[in-house]
Structures are given as C-alpha cells and as structure tokens.
Amino acid sequence: MSVHTTHRCLTCGFEAQTDDAWDTVEHPPLGELTQCPECGSTNTRSV
C-alpha cells in the first residue's frame, strides 16, 4: 500500500498529490524544494 501526500500552493491555490504534478527545484542552502507547476512558487504545504 502506498501513501500519497497532497500539497497545496499557498500562492495560487493549486492542489494535487505530490507524485502527480509537482516539480522540484534545487536550492543550495535548503536542498530540494517542491515547486508549483502552475505558478512556479515554492511556497507550498502538505495537506
């Protein structure tokens, strides 16, 4: 059984399961960040 996490973009409101649509970006001091495919924001949260 696999567990899916849903993320929501706090900038535009886009919401989807993590492995369905989200992008990632590398930020040297912070590591890998989840990025919204709709607006490009990394201001996201698990719901």
PDB file of N, CA and C in Angstrom:
ATOM      1  N   MET A   1       0.842  -1.176   0.000  1.00  0.00           N
ATOM      2  CA  MET A   1       0.000   0.000   0.000  1.00  0.00           C
ATOM      3  C   MET A   1       0.894   1.249   0.000  1.00  0.00           C
ATOM      4  N   SER A   2       0.651   2.146  -0.922  1.00  0.00           N
ATOM      5  CA  SER A   2       1.443   3.379  -0.979  1.00  0.00           C
ATOM      6  C   SER A   2       0.640   4.534  -0.390  1.00  0.00           C
ATOM      7  N   VAL A   3       1.362   5.441   0.234  1.00  0.00           N
ATOM      8  CA  VAL A   3       0.735   6.613   0.843  1.00  0.00           C
ATOM      9  C   VAL A   3       1.056   7.816  -0.031  1.00  0.00           C
ATOM     10  N   HIS A   4       0.039   8.572  -0.390  1.00  0.00           N
ATOM     11  CA  HIS A   4       0.220   9.756  -1.222  1.00  0.00           C
ATOM     12  C   HIS A   4       0.024  11.000  -0.365  1.00  0.00           C
ATOM     13  N   THR A   5       0.910  11.953  -0.533  1.00  0.00           N
ATOM     14  CA  THR A   5       0.795  13.220   0.157  1.00  0.00           C
ATOM     15  C   THR A   5       0.233  14.249  -0.808  1.00  0.00           C
ATOM     16  N   THR A   6      -0.708  15.049  -0.362  1.00  0.00           N
ATOM     17  CA  THR A   6      -1.262  16.116  -1.170  1.00  0.00           C
ATOM     18  C   THR A   6      -0.605  17.424  -0.746  1.00  0.00           C
ATOM     19  N   HIS A   7      -0.179  18.205  -1.744  1.00  0.00           N
ATOM     20  CA  HIS A   7       0.404  19.511  -1.489  1.00  0.00           C
ATOM     21  C   HIS A   7      -0.515  20.586  -2.044  1.00  0.00           C
ATOM     22  N   ARG A   8      -0.493  21.750  -1.413  1.00  0.00           N
ATOM     23  CA  ARG A   8      -1.253  22.910  -1.881  1.00  0.00           C
ATOM     24  C   ARG A   8      -0.294  24.088  -2.013  1.00  0.00           C
ATOM     25  N   CYS A   9      -0.408  24.807  -3.120  1.00  0.00           N
ATOM     26  CA  CYS A   9       0.370  26.024  -3.320  1.00  0.00           C
ATOM     27  C   CYS A   9      -0.320  27.149  -2.565  1.00  0.00           C
ATOM     28  N   LEU A  10       0.412  27.807  -1.687  1.00  0.00           N
ATOM     29  CA  LEU A  10      -0.164  28.899  -0.904  1.00  0.00           C
ATOM     30  C   LEU A  10      -0.242  30.200  -1.700  1.00  0.00           C
ATOM     31  N   THR A  11       0.383  30.230  -2.873  1.00  0.00           N
ATOM     32  CA  THR A  11       0.339  31.413  -3.723  1.00  0.00           C
ATOM     33  C   THR A  11      -0.882  31.407  -4.643  1.00  0.00           C
ATOM     34  N   CYS A  12      -1.095  30.285  -5.365  1.00  0.00           N
ATOM     35  CA  CYS A  12      -2.195  30.264  -6.340  1.00  0.00           C
ATOM     36  C   CYS A  12      -3.321  29.295  -5.984  1.00  0.00           C
ATOM     37  N   GLY A  13      -3.104  28.430  -4.990  1.00  0.00           N
ATOM     38  CA  GLY A  13      -4.153  27.512  -4.563  1.00  0.00           C
ATOM     39  C   GLY A  13      -4.161  26.174  -5.274  1.00  0.00           C
ATOM     40  N   PHE A  14      -3.234  25.933  -6.209  1.00  0.00           N
ATOM     41  CA  PHE A  14      -3.152  24.650  -6.908  1.00  0.00           C
ATOM     42  C   PHE A  14      -2.967  23.536  -5.886  1.00  0.00           C
ATOM     43  N   GLU A  15      -3.668  22.404  -6.079  1.00  0.00           N
ATOM     44  CA  GLU A  15      -3.573  21.284  -5.155  1.00  0.00           C
ATOM     45  C   GLU A  15      -3.555  19.975  -5.933  1.00  0.00           C
ATOM     46  N   ALA A  16      -2.622  19.079  -5.572  1.00  0.00           N
ATOM     47  CA  ALA A  16      -2.530  17.772  -6.214  1.00  0.00           C
ATOM     48  C   ALA A  16      -1.662  16.874  -5.359  1.00  0.00           C
ATOM     49  N   GLN A  17      -1.760  15.565  -5.611  1.00  0.00           N
ATOM     50  CA  GLN A  17      -0.883  14.637  -4.923  1.00  0.00           C
ATOM     51  C   GLN A  17       0.547  14.901  -5.350  1.00  0.00           C
ATOM     52  N   THR A  18       1.472  14.698  -4.442  1.00  0.00           N
ATOM     53  CA  THR A  18       2.879  15.020  -4.676  1.00  0.00           C
ATOM     54  C   THR A  18       3.432  14.363  -5.930  1.00  0.00           C
ATOM     55  N   ASP A  19       3.154  13.099  -6.142  1.00  0.00           N
ATOM     56  CA  ASP A  19       3.753  12.406  -7.275  1.00  0.00           C
ATOM     57  C   ASP A  19       2.992  12.599  -8.584  1.00  0.00           C
ATOM     58  N   ASP A  20       1.912  13.343  -8.584  1.00  0.00           N
ATOM     59  CA  ASP A  20       1.123  13.549  -9.797  1.00  0.00           C
ATOM     60  C   ASP A  20       1.605  14.697 -10.668  1.00  0.00           C
ATOM     61  N   ALA A  21       1.865  15.847 -10.087  1.00  0.00           N
ATOM     62  CA  ALA A  21       2.063  17.025 -10.927  1.00  0.00           C
ATOM     63  C   ALA A  21       3.162  17.960 -10.477  1.00  0.00           C
ATOM     64  N   TRP A  22       3.677  17.810  -9.287  1.00  0.00           N
ATOM     65  CA  TRP A  22       4.602  18.782  -8.728  1.00  0.00           C
ATOM     66  C   TRP A  22       5.995  18.664  -9.315  1.00  0.00           C
ATOM     67  N   ASP A  23       6.655  19.813  -9.441  1.00  0.00           N
ATOM     68  CA  ASP A  23       8.042  19.888  -9.874  1.00  0.00           C
ATOM     69  C   ASP A  23       8.919  20.044  -8.638  1.00  0.00           C
ATOM     70  N   THR A  24      10.214  19.901  -8.809  1.00  0.00           N
ATOM     71  CA  THR A  24      11.152  20.184  -7.726  1.00  0.00           C
ATOM     72  C   THR A  24      12.260  21.066  -8.271  1.00  0.00           C
ATOM     73  N   VAL A  25      12.827  21.872  -7.397  1.00  0.00           N
ATOM     74  CA  VAL A  25      13.970  22.711  -7.742  1.00  0.00           C
ATOM     75  C   VAL A  25      15.021  22.548  -6.658  1.00  0.00           C
ATOM     76  N   GLU A  26      16.273  22.717  -7.032  1.00  0.00           N
ATOM     77  CA  GLU A  26      17.371  22.608  -6.092  1.00  0.00           C
ATOM     78  C   GLU A  26      17.762  23.996  -5.617  1.00  0.00           C
ATOM     79  N   HIS A  27      17.759  24.184  -4.312  1.00  0.00           N
ATOM     80  CA  HIS A  27      18.159  25.457  -3.706  1.00  0.00           C
ATOM     81  C   HIS A  27      19.340  25.131  -2.808  1.00  0.00           C
ATOM     82  N   PRO A  28      20.571  25.566  -3.173  1.00  0.00           N
ATOM     83  CA  PRO A  28      21.782  25.125  -2.485  1.00  0.00           C
ATOM     84  C   PRO A  28      21.737  25.119  -0.950  1.00  0.00           C
ATOM     85  N   PRO A  29      21.348  26.189  -0.277  1.00  0.00           N
ATOM     86  CA  PRO A  29      21.357  26.099   1.185  1.00  0.00           C
ATOM     87  C   PRO A  29      20.220  25.237   1.756  1.00  0.00           C
ATOM     88  N   LEU A  30      19.094  25.155   1.046  1.00  0.00           N
ATOM     89  CA  LEU A  30      17.916  24.472   1.574  1.00  0.00           C
ATOM     90  C   LEU A  30      17.727  23.062   1.039  1.00  0.00           C
ATOM     91  N   GLY A  31      18.344  22.734  -0.083  1.00  0.00           N
ATOM     92  CA  GLY A  31      18.160  21.420  -0.693  1.00  0.00           C
ATOM     93  C   GLY A  31      17.062  21.446  -1.737  1.00  0.00           C
ATOM     94  N   GLU A  32      16.371  20.323  -1.871  1.00  0.00           N
ATOM     95  CA  GLU A  32      15.329  20.191  -2.888  1.00  0.00           C
ATOM     96  C   GLU A  32      14.008  20.735  -2.358  1.00  0.00           C
ATOM     97  N   LEU A  33      13.370  21.610  -3.153  1.00  0.00           N
ATOM     98  CA  LEU A  33      12.094  22.222  -2.770  1.00  0.00           C
ATOM     99  C   LEU A  33      11.011  21.807  -3.755  1.00  0.00           C
ATOM    100  N   THR A  34       9.791  21.666  -3.256  1.00  0.00           N
ATOM    101  CA  THR A  34       8.639  21.387  -4.111  1.00  0.00           C
ATOM    102  C   THR A  34       8.224  22.683  -4.788  1.00  0.00           C
ATOM    103  N   GLN A  35       7.979  22.618  -6.109  1.00  0.00           N
ATOM    104  CA  GLN A  35       7.616  23.808  -6.869  1.00  0.00           C
ATOM    105  C   GLN A  35       6.286  23.602  -7.569  1.00  0.00           C
ATOM    106  N   CYS A  36       5.420  24.595  -7.494  1.00  0.00           N
ATOM    107  CA  CYS A  36       4.104  24.549  -8.126  1.00  0.00           C
ATOM    108  C   CYS A  36       4.247  24.571  -9.652  1.00  0.00           C
ATOM    109  N   PRO A  37       3.602  23.632 -10.348  1.00  0.00           N
ATOM    110  CA  PRO A  37       3.668  23.628 -11.807  1.00  0.00           C
ATOM    111  C   PRO A  37       2.836  24.738 -12.449  1.00  0.00           C
ATOM    112  N   GLU A  38       1.904  25.323 -11.704  1.00  0.00           N
ATOM    113  CA  GLU A  38       1.042  26.376 -12.241  1.00  0.00           C
ATOM    114  C   GLU A  38       1.711  27.748 -12.214  1.00  0.00           C
ATOM    115  N   CYS A  39       2.283  28.124 -11.059  1.00  0.00           N
ATOM    116  CA  CYS A  39       2.820  29.484 -10.931  1.00  0.00           C
ATOM    117  C   CYS A  39       4.322  29.528 -10.645  1.00  0.00           C
ATOM    118  N   GLY A  40       4.936  28.363 -10.345  1.00  0.00           N
ATOM    119  CA  GLY A  40       6.376  28.324 -10.098  1.00  0.00           C
ATOM    120  C   GLY A  40       6.773  28.627  -8.665  1.00  0.00           C
ATOM    121  N   SER A  41       5.831  28.884  -7.791  1.00  0.00           N
ATOM    122  CA  SER A  41       6.117  29.207  -6.402  1.00  0.00           C
ATOM    123  C   SER A  41       6.626  27.980  -5.656  1.00  0.00           C
ATOM    124  N   THR A  42       7.478  28.191  -4.670  1.00  0.00           N
ATOM    125  CA  THR A  42       7.905  27.115  -3.766  1.00  0.00           C
ATOM    126  C   THR A  42       7.240  27.279  -2.402  1.00  0.00           C
ATOM    127  N   ASN A  43       6.270  28.152  -2.310  1.00  0.00           N
ATOM    128  CA  ASN A  43       5.520  28.379  -1.074  1.00  0.00           C
ATOM    129  C   ASN A  43       4.375  27.359  -1.041  1.00  0.00           C
ATOM    130  N   THR A  44       4.691  26.116  -0.615  1.00  0.00           N
ATOM    131  CA  THR A  44       3.725  25.028  -0.628  1.00  0.00           C
ATOM    132  C   THR A  44       3.596  24.424   0.753  1.00  0.00           C
ATOM    133  N   ARG A  45       2.527  23.636   0.913  1.00  0.00           N
ATOM    134  CA  ARG A  45       2.284  22.993   2.200  1.00  0.00           C
ATOM    135  C   ARG A  45       1.598  21.665   1.975  1.00  0.00           C
ATOM    136  N   SER A  46       1.908  20.682   2.808  1.00  0.00           N
ATOM    137  CA  SER A  46       1.231  19.393   2.775  1.00  0.00           C
ATOM    138  C   SER A  46      -0.132  19.547   3.438  1.00  0.00           C
ATOM    139  N   VAL A  47      -1.150  18.937   2.836  1.00  0.00           N
ATOM    140  CA  VAL A  47      -2.488  18.986   3.425  1.00  0.00           C
ATOM    141  C   VAL A  47      -3.010  17.577   3.640  1.00  0.00           C
TER     142      VAL A  47
END
